[in-house]
Amino acid sequence: MKRTFLTLVALMPFLLLAQFRVKGNLSDVEIEGTSTLHDWTMKAEDCDGRADFVITEDDLKISSLSFEVNVRDLKSGKSGMDSNTYNALEEKKYPKITFKMTEVVSISKMAKDKYKVTVKGELFIAGTKKVTTISGTVSVNNDEAVKIVASKEIKMTTWNVDPPTAVMGTIKTGDDLKLNFNILYSLN
């Protein structure tokens, strides 16, 4: 009896493992870039994904994490720019941008229910998959919701994407992008 109780106590933190799903309508992915004409932003206000978190009073563990966004959901407010972006990302052939965590690099507690997290994973854009690290903050809300706010600077050409041009090449998009993630994972 004593041995069974000790086994349960030892396993208790892992019993709190729960699978969370992205609340798509409360999450967004934003891309910031530049061009020879002006800076620009595209935003997708819906995404999907799953994560497995172990949440205890004093700790957070992440055993899996993924998200995806439909390229066609990225909108700038300018239909021509949207169309050029979809073509550059080969949206018909590769309709989604995805990230799948392969390892947790670090988790450090910043405050009650708030952590600084760096993860490594596979970021898939326009047919090219690259291993990259993403850092951000994770906020836990009543063990039922986890919000991740992170950003990552990338170059389009690293993912074999030719920066789009317009007006017969006179307007050129810069190679550097900043990806901003504001993703809410929830138990329900």
Protein backbone atom coordinates (compact mmCIF):
# COMPACT_ATOMS: atom_id res chain seq x y z
CA MET A 1 0.00 0.00 0.00
CA LYS A 2 2.79 2.43 0.95
CA ARG A 3 4.65 1.65 -2.30
CA THR A 4 1.53 2.34 -4.42
CA PHE A 5 1.00 5.67 -2.66
CA LEU A 6 4.65 6.70 -3.27
CA THR A 7 4.32 5.74 -6.94
CA LEU A 8 1.20 7.91 -7.28
CA VAL A 9 2.92 10.84 -5.57
CA ALA A 10 5.92 10.47 -7.89
CA LEU A 11 3.69 10.42 -10.97
CA MET A 12 1.32 13.18 -9.85
CA PRO A 13 3.00 16.06 -11.77
CA PHE A 14 2.67 14.05 -14.97
CA LEU A 15 -1.01 13.37 -14.36
CA LEU A 16 -1.64 17.06 -15.04
CA LEU A 17 -0.53 16.65 -18.66
CA ALA A 18 -3.30 17.97 -20.84
CA GLN A 19 -3.69 18.59 -24.54
CA PHE A 20 -4.52 22.16 -25.43
CA ARG A 21 -5.89 23.38 -28.76
CA VAL A 22 -5.35 26.73 -30.39
CA LYS A 23 -8.33 29.04 -30.01
CA GLY A 24 -8.18 30.18 -33.63
CA ASN A 25 -10.46 33.17 -33.33
CA LEU A 26 -8.42 34.48 -30.35
CA SER A 27 -5.01 33.94 -31.98
CA ASP A 28 -3.12 35.63 -34.77
CA VAL A 29 0.11 35.51 -36.74
CA GLU A 30 1.50 38.74 -38.14
CA ILE A 31 4.26 39.30 -40.68
CA GLU A 32 6.10 42.63 -40.81
CA GLY A 33 8.25 43.58 -43.77
CA THR A 34 9.67 46.40 -45.83
CA SER A 35 9.70 47.45 -49.44
CA THR A 36 11.22 50.20 -51.53
CA LEU A 37 7.84 52.00 -51.22
CA HIS A 38 6.81 51.50 -47.56
CA ASP A 39 6.81 49.15 -44.60
CA TRP A 40 3.96 46.65 -44.60
CA THR A 41 2.11 44.19 -42.36
CA MET A 42 0.05 41.10 -43.11
CA LYS A 43 -2.04 39.39 -40.47
CA ALA A 44 -3.86 36.08 -40.21
CA GLU A 45 -6.47 36.24 -37.48
CA ASP A 46 -7.02 32.52 -37.36
CA CYS A 47 -4.71 29.57 -36.89
CA ASP A 48 -4.78 26.01 -35.62
CA GLY A 49 -2.54 23.81 -33.53
CA ARG A 50 -2.08 21.69 -30.44
CA ALA A 51 0.21 21.56 -27.45
CA ASP A 52 0.77 19.33 -24.44
CA PHE A 53 1.58 21.25 -21.28
CA VAL A 54 2.29 20.04 -17.77
CA ILE A 55 1.24 22.84 -15.46
CA THR A 56 1.95 22.75 -11.75
CA GLU A 57 1.81 25.49 -9.18
CA ASP A 58 5.50 26.29 -9.63
CA ASP A 59 6.43 24.89 -13.00
CA LEU A 60 5.60 24.61 -16.69
CA LYS A 61 6.71 21.83 -18.99
CA ILE A 62 5.99 21.57 -22.71
CA SER A 63 6.08 18.11 -24.26
CA SER A 64 4.69 19.07 -27.68
CA LEU A 65 3.68 22.24 -29.48
CA SER A 66 2.54 22.98 -33.01
CA PHE A 67 0.60 25.56 -34.94
CA GLU A 68 -0.34 26.26 -38.53
CA VAL A 69 -1.76 29.15 -40.46
CA ASN A 70 -3.35 29.12 -43.90
CA VAL A 71 -1.36 31.31 -46.29
CA ARG A 72 -4.65 32.53 -47.81
CA ASP A 73 -5.67 33.89 -44.37
CA LEU A 74 -2.78 36.39 -44.45
CA LYS A 75 -4.24 39.78 -45.32
CA SER A 76 -2.63 43.19 -45.79
CA GLY A 77 -5.72 45.18 -46.73
CA LYS A 78 -4.39 45.48 -50.29
CA SER A 79 -5.53 42.78 -52.70
CA GLY A 80 -2.56 43.22 -55.08
CA MET A 81 -0.06 42.76 -52.29
CA ASP A 82 -1.99 39.75 -50.97
CA SER A 83 -1.96 38.16 -54.42
CA ASN A 84 1.80 38.76 -54.86
CA THR A 85 2.43 37.22 -51.43
CA TYR A 86 0.32 34.13 -52.18
CA ASN A 87 2.24 33.67 -55.45
CA ALA A 88 5.64 34.11 -53.76
CA LEU A 89 4.69 31.56 -51.08
CA GLU A 90 3.34 29.17 -53.74
CA GLU A 91 0.06 29.03 -51.82
CA LYS A 92 -1.66 26.66 -54.24
CA LYS A 93 1.10 24.08 -53.78
CA TYR A 94 1.89 24.82 -50.09
CA PRO A 95 -1.30 26.24 -48.53
CA LYS A 96 -0.04 26.30 -44.93
CA ILE A 97 2.81 27.72 -42.87
CA THR A 98 3.51 25.32 -39.99
CA PHE A 99 5.70 25.04 -36.92
CA LYS A 100 6.31 21.83 -34.96
CA MET A 101 8.46 21.95 -31.82
CA THR A 102 11.23 19.36 -31.61
CA GLU A 103 12.74 20.38 -28.28
CA VAL A 104 12.50 22.85 -25.43
CA VAL A 105 15.71 24.87 -25.22
CA SER A 106 14.86 26.73 -22.01
CA ILE A 107 12.03 27.66 -19.67
CA SER A 108 12.56 30.19 -16.91
CA LYS A 109 9.97 31.61 -14.56
CA MET A 110 9.55 35.39 -14.81
CA ALA A 111 6.63 35.85 -12.41
CA LYS A 112 3.67 33.90 -11.11
CA ASP A 113 2.20 32.04 -14.09
CA LYS A 114 4.56 33.75 -16.59
CA TYR A 115 7.60 32.15 -18.21
CA LYS A 116 10.31 33.03 -20.71
CA VAL A 117 10.50 30.13 -23.17
CA THR A 118 12.77 29.24 -26.08
CA VAL A 119 11.88 26.26 -28.25
CA LYS A 120 13.48 24.70 -31.31
CA GLY A 121 11.41 23.25 -34.10
CA GLU A 122 10.70 22.85 -37.78
CA LEU A 123 9.27 25.92 -39.51
CA PHE A 124 7.76 25.02 -42.89
CA ILE A 125 7.27 27.86 -45.38
CA ALA A 126 6.60 27.50 -49.12
CA GLY A 127 7.88 23.96 -49.39
CA THR A 128 11.04 24.47 -47.32
CA LYS A 129 11.46 23.15 -43.80
CA LYS A 130 14.17 24.66 -41.59
CA VAL A 131 15.02 24.03 -37.96
CA THR A 132 14.83 27.31 -36.05
CA THR A 133 14.47 28.63 -32.52
CA ILE A 134 11.62 30.84 -31.38
CA SER A 135 11.61 32.75 -28.08
CA GLY A 136 8.77 34.40 -26.27
CA THR A 137 6.67 34.57 -23.15
CA VAL A 138 4.14 32.03 -21.97
CA SER A 139 1.34 33.08 -19.62
CA VAL A 140 -0.78 30.47 -17.83
CA ASN A 141 -4.37 31.39 -16.97
CA ASN A 142 -6.03 29.15 -14.35
CA ASP A 143 -4.43 25.99 -15.81
CA GLU A 144 -7.05 26.15 -18.60
CA ALA A 145 -5.44 28.51 -21.08
CA VAL A 146 -1.87 29.21 -22.15
CA LYS A 147 -1.01 32.31 -24.16
CA ILE A 148 2.21 32.47 -26.17
CA VAL A 149 3.56 35.78 -27.42
CA ALA A 150 6.71 35.40 -29.50
CA SER A 151 8.54 36.82 -32.48
CA LYS A 152 11.13 35.57 -34.93
CA GLU A 153 13.18 37.47 -37.50
CA ILE A 154 13.82 35.56 -40.71
CA LYS A 155 14.93 36.10 -44.28
CA MET A 156 12.59 35.02 -47.08
CA THR A 157 15.50 33.67 -49.10
CA THR A 158 16.44 31.28 -46.26
CA TRP A 159 13.14 29.51 -47.03
CA ASN A 160 13.77 29.76 -50.80
CA VAL A 161 11.14 32.48 -51.24
CA ASP A 162 11.96 35.18 -53.77
CA PRO A 163 10.94 38.55 -52.29
CA PRO A 164 7.91 39.74 -54.30
CA THR A 165 8.11 42.66 -56.69
CA ALA A 166 5.45 44.87 -58.25
CA VAL A 167 5.08 47.40 -61.05
CA MET A 168 7.48 45.57 -63.35
CA GLY A 169 10.11 45.23 -60.63
CA THR A 170 10.24 48.90 -59.61
CA ILE A 171 8.79 48.11 -56.16
CA LYS A 172 10.77 45.47 -54.32
CA THR A 173 10.03 43.73 -51.05
CA GLY A 174 12.89 43.49 -48.56
CA ASP A 175 14.27 40.05 -47.71
CA ASP A 176 13.95 40.55 -43.92
CA LEU A 177 10.72 39.64 -42.17
CA LYS A 178 9.56 39.64 -38.58
CA LEU A 179 7.02 36.98 -37.61
CA ASN A 180 4.87 37.81 -34.58
CA PHE A 181 2.90 35.09 -32.84
CA ASN A 182 0.04 35.77 -30.45
CA ILE A 183 -1.43 32.31 -29.87
CA LEU A 184 -3.91 31.18 -27.24
CA TYR A 185 -4.04 27.46 -26.40
CA SER A 186 -7.05 26.33 -24.39
CA LEU A 187 -8.41 23.13 -22.88
CA ASN A 188 -11.85 23.79 -24.38
